[in-house]
Protein backbone atom coordinates (compact mmCIF):
# COMPACT_ATOMS: atom_id res chain seq x y z
CA UNK A 1 8.20 25.77 6.58
CA UNK A 2 8.67 23.70 3.47
CA UNK A 3 6.70 22.81 0.39
CA UNK A 4 5.43 19.27 -0.12
CA UNK A 5 4.62 17.24 -3.23
CA UNK A 6 1.40 15.31 -2.71
CA UNK A 7 -0.51 12.39 -4.19
CA UNK A 8 -1.65 14.00 -7.42
CA UNK A 9 1.95 13.98 -8.71
CA UNK A 10 2.04 10.17 -8.69
CA UNK A 11 1.98 8.81 -12.24
CA UNK A 12 2.04 12.34 -13.68
CA UNK A 13 5.47 13.70 -12.71
CA UNK A 14 5.23 17.08 -14.38
CA UNK A 15 8.52 18.93 -13.93
CA UNK A 16 7.45 22.54 -14.48
CA UNK A 17 8.19 23.06 -10.77
CA UNK A 18 11.79 21.92 -11.17
CA UNK A 19 12.54 24.63 -13.69
CA UNK A 20 11.70 27.47 -11.27
CA UNK A 21 13.33 26.05 -8.13
CA UNK A 22 16.34 28.20 -7.16
CA UNK A 23 17.79 25.58 -4.77
CA UNK A 24 17.40 22.32 -6.72
CA UNK A 25 15.42 20.79 -3.87
CA UNK A 26 13.40 18.41 -6.06
CA UNK A 27 14.27 14.72 -6.18
CA UNK A 28 13.04 12.32 -8.82
CA UNK A 29 11.69 8.82 -8.44
CA UNK A 30 10.29 6.52 -11.11
CA UNK A 31 6.81 8.10 -11.12
CA UNK A 32 6.82 10.85 -8.50
CA UNK A 33 8.80 13.92 -7.42
CA UNK A 34 9.54 14.98 -3.85
CA UNK A 35 10.91 18.10 -2.21
CA UNK A 36 13.83 17.94 0.19
CA UNK A 37 12.54 19.86 3.22
CA UNK A 38 16.08 20.77 4.28
CA UNK A 39 16.94 22.35 0.91
CA UNK A 40 13.57 24.09 0.40
CA UNK A 41 13.76 27.83 1.12
CA UNK A 42 10.00 28.36 1.07
CA UNK A 43 10.14 30.65 -1.94
CA UNK A 44 6.74 29.36 -3.14
CA UNK A 45 7.71 29.51 -6.83
CA UNK A 46 6.99 25.82 -7.44
CA UNK A 47 3.38 25.55 -6.31
CA UNK A 48 1.76 27.74 -8.98
CA UNK A 49 3.83 26.04 -11.71
CA UNK A 50 2.48 22.55 -10.99
CA UNK A 51 -0.11 21.58 -13.64
CA UNK A 52 -1.41 18.87 -11.28
CA UNK A 53 -1.84 21.23 -8.29
CA UNK A 54 0.13 18.72 -6.25
CA UNK A 55 2.40 21.10 -4.28
CA UNK A 56 1.39 22.69 -0.97
CA UNK A 57 3.05 24.60 1.82
CA UNK A 58 3.37 22.24 4.79
CA UNK A 59 1.05 24.41 6.88
CA UNK A 60 -1.62 24.26 4.13
CA UNK A 61 -1.54 20.52 3.43
CA UNK A 62 -4.98 18.97 3.15
CA UNK A 63 -5.51 16.65 6.11
CA UNK A 64 -5.66 13.57 3.90
CA UNK A 65 -2.25 14.48 2.40
CA UNK A 66 -0.38 15.18 5.66
CA UNK A 67 1.57 11.90 5.46
CA UNK A 68 3.28 13.21 2.31
CA UNK A 69 5.41 15.57 4.44
CA UNK A 70 7.23 12.59 5.95
CA UNK A 71 7.26 10.72 2.63
CA UNK A 72 8.94 13.67 0.86
CA UNK A 73 11.64 13.83 3.53
CA UNK A 74 12.22 10.06 3.41
CA UNK A 75 12.45 9.75 -0.38
CA UNK A 76 14.58 12.89 -0.79
CA UNK A 77 17.27 11.03 1.14
CA UNK A 78 17.46 8.25 -1.46
CA UNK A 79 16.31 9.67 -4.80
CA UNK A 80 18.60 11.81 -7.00
CA UNK A 81 18.19 15.56 -7.45
CA UNK A 82 16.40 16.67 -10.60
CA UNK A 83 17.48 20.12 -11.74
CA UNK A 84 16.32 20.19 -15.36
CA UNK A 85 12.74 19.77 -16.58
CA UNK A 86 11.75 16.60 -18.41
CA UNK A 87 8.64 15.48 -20.24
CA UNK A 88 5.83 14.26 -17.98
CA UNK A 89 5.01 10.58 -17.90
CA UNK A 90 3.20 9.39 -21.06
CA UNK A 91 -0.19 8.92 -19.35
CA UNK A 92 0.06 12.03 -17.15
CA UNK A 93 -3.10 13.63 -18.48
CA UNK A 94 -5.08 10.47 -17.78
CA UNK A 95 -3.78 10.23 -14.20
CA UNK A 96 -4.09 13.92 -13.31
CA UNK A 97 -6.90 14.39 -10.78
CA UNK A 98 -7.30 10.64 -10.20
CA UNK A 99 -7.67 9.77 -6.53
CA UNK A 100 -6.17 7.01 -4.41
CA UNK A 101 -2.83 6.93 -6.24
CA UNK A 102 -0.50 6.22 -3.32
CA UNK A 103 -0.79 2.51 -4.10
CA UNK A 104 0.93 3.21 -7.45
CA UNK A 105 3.97 4.99 -5.99
CA UNK A 106 7.14 3.31 -7.25
CA UNK A 107 10.12 3.56 -4.95
């Protein structure tokens, strides 16, 4: 099992989850975070820390977010590890809970 960052993180990029991760399995892109499924130890510490409620266990992913499992694995291969928290994106509060954000994902 692994944890997966889903669509609600796009254009928010809160990093509260990064601070509690014992294995530094988060990777940072321009406007989204992903979890490396190989590095994730399923500790579940990250999910409750996410202000955007964007992190799920892979076996609890909403059906419409299932494609994010593969996307996390793909982008974790190319994006750098983020081990220290940073400020969220400037418009994070405006984008939190907005739907249909995949089109805004910057690679």
